[in-house]
Amino acid sequence: MWGDLGVGKTAFVRGFIRAATTATEEVPSPTFTLLQTYDSGLGTIHHFDLYRIEHEDEVLELGIDDAFADGVSLIEWPGNMGRWLPHKRLDLTLETLGDSGARMAKLSSDDPDWQARLAGMDLQG
């Protein structure tokens, strides 16, 4: 998930996780722990916050390769992954629009199958 500080990345993740688990699920920011996991109908949701990563190889210590093999990975500050950033991914970019405080979300991917995968997700489960 791409976007400047304070644009709403963690708020988006909270909404996603609560939609996939329960409306009362506690979803703390993993700014200091770097990773939080949640069981859901989608499988395990891995919430990474890589803002404090200083070297791209540190993501391997977090088990990010295992996370990609199982469930859903939501990654704040994915640019800090460097060469470990997967090519087949769905990117969400959040932007603030002017002084109004409104946000715009953009989805993009180099993977032609992402639309079919999203259409099959049941976030109510």
C-alpha atoms as a PDB file:
ATOM      1  CA  MET A   1       0.000   0.000   0.000  1.00  0.00           C
ATOM      2  CA  TRP A   2       1.520   3.225  -1.187  1.00  0.00           C
ATOM      3  CA  GLY A   3       0.952   6.741   0.123  1.00  0.00           C
ATOM      4  CA  ASP A   4       2.386   9.508   2.249  1.00  0.00           C
ATOM      5  CA  LEU A   5       2.368   9.567   6.056  1.00  0.00           C
ATOM      6  CA  GLY A   6      -1.127  10.177   7.387  1.00  0.00           C
ATOM      7  CA  VAL A   7      -2.953   9.424   4.137  1.00  0.00           C
ATOM      8  CA  GLY A   8      -4.951   6.557   5.665  1.00  0.00           C
ATOM      9  CA  LYS A   9      -3.046   3.347   4.940  1.00  0.00           C
ATOM     10  CA  THR A  10      -3.555   1.925   8.426  1.00  0.00           C
ATOM     11  CA  ALA A  11      -7.208   3.059   8.464  1.00  0.00           C
ATOM     12  CA  PHE A  12      -7.765   1.196   5.193  1.00  0.00           C
ATOM     13  CA  VAL A  13      -6.120  -1.942   6.604  1.00  0.00           C
ATOM     14  CA  ARG A  14      -8.311  -1.738   9.729  1.00  0.00           C
ATOM     15  CA  GLY A  15     -11.421  -1.612   7.574  1.00  0.00           C
ATOM     16  CA  PHE A  16     -10.253  -4.499   5.400  1.00  0.00           C
ATOM     17  CA  ILE A  17      -9.396  -6.692   8.388  1.00  0.00           C
ATOM     18  CA  ARG A  18     -12.642  -5.891  10.198  1.00  0.00           C
ATOM     19  CA  ALA A  19     -14.617  -6.704   7.033  1.00  0.00           C
ATOM     20  CA  ALA A  20     -12.812 -10.054   6.789  1.00  0.00           C
ATOM     21  CA  THR A  21     -13.032 -10.907  10.532  1.00  0.00           C
ATOM     22  CA  THR A  22     -15.409  -9.075  12.878  1.00  0.00           C
ATOM     23  CA  ALA A  23     -16.417  -5.436  13.201  1.00  0.00           C
ATOM     24  CA  THR A  24     -14.919  -5.373  16.694  1.00  0.00           C
ATOM     25  CA  GLU A  25     -11.528  -6.913  15.780  1.00  0.00           C
ATOM     26  CA  GLU A  26      -8.726  -4.979  17.466  1.00  0.00           C
ATOM     27  CA  VAL A  27      -6.299  -3.879  14.739  1.00  0.00           C
ATOM     28  CA  PRO A  28      -3.284  -2.064  16.184  1.00  0.00           C
ATOM     29  CA  SER A  29      -0.730  -0.499  13.889  1.00  0.00           C
ATOM     30  CA  PRO A  30       2.330  -2.739  13.507  1.00  0.00           C
ATOM     31  CA  THR A  31       4.668   0.270  13.277  1.00  0.00           C
ATOM     32  CA  PHE A  32       6.875  -1.113  16.060  1.00  0.00           C
ATOM     33  CA  THR A  33       6.119  -4.844  15.861  1.00  0.00           C
ATOM     34  CA  LEU A  34       6.376  -4.715  12.012  1.00  0.00           C
ATOM     35  CA  LEU A  35       3.800  -7.538  11.663  1.00  0.00           C
ATOM     36  CA  GLN A  36       0.352  -8.439  12.981  1.00  0.00           C
ATOM     37  CA  THR A  37      -1.610 -11.502  11.847  1.00  0.00           C
ATOM     38  CA  TYR A  38      -5.337 -12.236  11.834  1.00  0.00           C
ATOM     39  CA  ASP A  39      -7.345 -15.384  11.119  1.00  0.00           C
ATOM     40  CA  SER A  40     -10.156 -14.785   8.648  1.00  0.00           C
ATOM     41  CA  GLY A  41     -12.339 -16.463   6.060  1.00  0.00           C
ATOM     42  CA  LEU A  42      -9.732 -15.375   3.500  1.00  0.00           C
ATOM     43  CA  GLY A  43      -7.014 -17.280   5.332  1.00  0.00           C
ATOM     44  CA  THR A  44      -4.389 -15.631   7.493  1.00  0.00           C
ATOM     45  CA  ILE A  45      -4.122 -11.883   6.936  1.00  0.00           C
ATOM     46  CA  HIS A  46      -0.568 -10.593   7.414  1.00  0.00           C
ATOM     47  CA  HIS A  47      -0.373  -6.855   8.099  1.00  0.00           C
ATOM     48  CA  PHE A  48       3.160  -5.565   7.586  1.00  0.00           C
ATOM     49  CA  ASP A  49       4.310  -2.010   8.281  1.00  0.00           C
ATOM     50  CA  LEU A  50       7.763  -1.677   6.745  1.00  0.00           C
ATOM     51  CA  TYR A  51       8.265   2.029   7.471  1.00  0.00           C
ATOM     52  CA  ARG A  52      11.101   1.302   9.919  1.00  0.00           C
ATOM     53  CA  ILE A  53      12.874  -1.254   7.702  1.00  0.00           C
ATOM     54  CA  GLU A  54      16.406  -0.020   7.065  1.00  0.00           C
ATOM     55  CA  HIS A  55      17.591  -2.729   4.641  1.00  0.00           C
ATOM     56  CA  GLU A  56      15.475  -4.741   2.236  1.00  0.00           C
ATOM     57  CA  ASP A  57      16.826  -8.081   3.495  1.00  0.00           C
ATOM     58  CA  GLU A  58      15.174  -7.438   6.890  1.00  0.00           C
ATOM     59  CA  VAL A  59      11.812  -8.422   5.371  1.00  0.00           C
ATOM     60  CA  LEU A  60      13.038 -12.013   5.090  1.00  0.00           C
ATOM     61  CA  GLU A  61      13.478 -12.120   8.874  1.00  0.00           C
ATOM     62  CA  LEU A  62       9.765 -11.290   9.183  1.00  0.00           C
ATOM     63  CA  GLY A  63       8.802 -14.430   7.258  1.00  0.00           C
ATOM     64  CA  ILE A  64       7.355 -12.441   4.388  1.00  0.00           C
ATOM     65  CA  ASP A  65       8.031 -15.247   1.905  1.00  0.00           C
ATOM     66  CA  ASP A  66       5.886 -17.608   4.022  1.00  0.00           C
ATOM     67  CA  ALA A  67       3.181 -14.935   4.262  1.00  0.00           C
ATOM     68  CA  PHE A  68       3.012 -14.720   0.469  1.00  0.00           C
ATOM     69  CA  ALA A  69       2.407 -18.476   0.284  1.00  0.00           C
ATOM     70  CA  ASP A  70      -0.465 -18.407   2.785  1.00  0.00           C
ATOM     71  CA  GLY A  71      -3.432 -16.030   2.903  1.00  0.00           C
ATOM     72  CA  VAL A  72      -3.379 -12.277   2.276  1.00  0.00           C
ATOM     73  CA  SER A  73      -0.502  -9.837   2.801  1.00  0.00           C
ATOM     74  CA  LEU A  74      -1.268  -6.156   3.364  1.00  0.00           C
ATOM     75  CA  ILE A  75       1.968  -4.186   3.234  1.00  0.00           C
ATOM     76  CA  GLU A  76       2.410  -0.573   4.222  1.00  0.00           C
ATOM     77  CA  TRP A  77       5.555   1.002   2.730  1.00  0.00           C
ATOM     78  CA  PRO A  78       6.223  -1.805   0.207  1.00  0.00           C
ATOM     79  CA  GLY A  79       8.972   0.238  -1.461  1.00  0.00           C
ATOM     80  CA  ASN A  80      11.201  -0.692   1.474  1.00  0.00           C
ATOM     81  CA  MET A  81      11.144  -4.313   0.266  1.00  0.00           C
ATOM     82  CA  GLY A  82      13.475  -3.489  -2.629  1.00  0.00           C
ATOM     83  CA  ARG A  83      14.180  -6.569  -4.723  1.00  0.00           C
ATOM     84  CA  TRP A  84      11.837  -8.703  -2.558  1.00  0.00           C
ATOM     85  CA  LEU A  85       8.748  -6.814  -3.771  1.00  0.00           C
ATOM     86  CA  PRO A  86       6.743  -9.391  -5.776  1.00  0.00           C
ATOM     87  CA  HIS A  87       6.015  -8.720  -9.427  1.00  0.00           C
ATOM     88  CA  LYS A  88       2.569 -10.347  -9.275  1.00  0.00           C
ATOM     89  CA  ARG A  89       0.789  -8.064  -6.842  1.00  0.00           C
ATOM     90  CA  LEU A  90      -2.084  -5.634  -6.520  1.00  0.00           C
ATOM     91  CA  ASP A  91      -0.981  -2.127  -5.580  1.00  0.00           C
ATOM     92  CA  LEU A  92      -3.214   0.291  -3.708  1.00  0.00           C
ATOM     93  CA  THR A  93      -2.104   3.916  -3.744  1.00  0.00           C
ATOM     94  CA  LEU A  94      -3.839   6.402  -1.441  1.00  0.00           C
ATOM     95  CA  GLU A  95      -3.636  10.144  -2.047  1.00  0.00           C
ATOM     96  CA  THR A  96      -5.033  13.204  -0.268  1.00  0.00           C
ATOM     97  CA  LEU A  97      -6.920  15.541  -2.601  1.00  0.00           C
ATOM     98  CA  GLY A  98      -6.101  19.174  -1.881  1.00  0.00           C
ATOM     99  CA  ASP A  99      -7.107  20.834   1.375  1.00  0.00           C
ATOM    100  CA  SER A 100     -10.492  19.097   1.570  1.00  0.00           C
ATOM    101  CA  GLY A 101      -9.076  16.022   3.304  1.00  0.00           C
ATOM    102  CA  ALA A 102     -10.763  13.789   0.727  1.00  0.00           C
ATOM    103  CA  ARG A 103      -8.842  10.685  -0.303  1.00  0.00           C
ATOM    104  CA  MET A 104      -8.490   8.919  -3.614  1.00  0.00           C
ATOM    105  CA  ALA A 105      -7.587   5.236  -3.911  1.00  0.00           C
ATOM    106  CA  LYS A 106      -5.997   3.801  -7.052  1.00  0.00           C
ATOM    107  CA  LEU A 107      -5.611   0.098  -7.791  1.00  0.00           C
ATOM    108  CA  SER A 108      -2.975  -1.065 -10.263  1.00  0.00           C
ATOM    109  CA  SER A 109      -1.121  -4.231 -11.142  1.00  0.00           C
ATOM    110  CA  ASP A 110       1.178  -5.801 -13.699  1.00  0.00           C
ATOM    111  CA  ASP A 111      -0.650  -9.098 -13.060  1.00  0.00           C
ATOM    112  CA  PRO A 112      -3.479  -9.612 -15.605  1.00  0.00           C
ATOM    113  CA  ASP A 113      -5.281 -12.006 -13.242  1.00  0.00           C
ATOM    114  CA  TRP A 114      -5.844  -9.568 -10.354  1.00  0.00           C
ATOM    115  CA  GLN A 115      -9.375  -8.593 -11.396  1.00  0.00           C
ATOM    116  CA  ALA A 116     -10.521 -12.233 -11.455  1.00  0.00           C
ATOM    117  CA  ARG A 117      -8.962 -12.881  -8.026  1.00  0.00           C
ATOM    118  CA  LEU A 118     -10.684  -9.853  -6.498  1.00  0.00           C
ATOM    119  CA  ALA A 119     -14.059 -10.795  -8.009  1.00  0.00           C
ATOM    120  CA  GLY A 120     -13.840 -14.141  -6.198  1.00  0.00           C
ATOM    121  CA  MET A 121     -13.131 -12.681  -2.718  1.00  0.00           C
ATOM    122  CA  ASP A 122     -15.839 -12.813  -0.074  1.00  0.00           C
ATOM    123  CA  LEU A 123     -14.970 -10.157   2.504  1.00  0.00           C
ATOM    124  CA  GLN A 124     -18.105 -10.903   4.509  1.00  0.00           C
ATOM    125  CA  GLY A 125     -16.872 -14.426   5.387  1.00  0.00           C
END
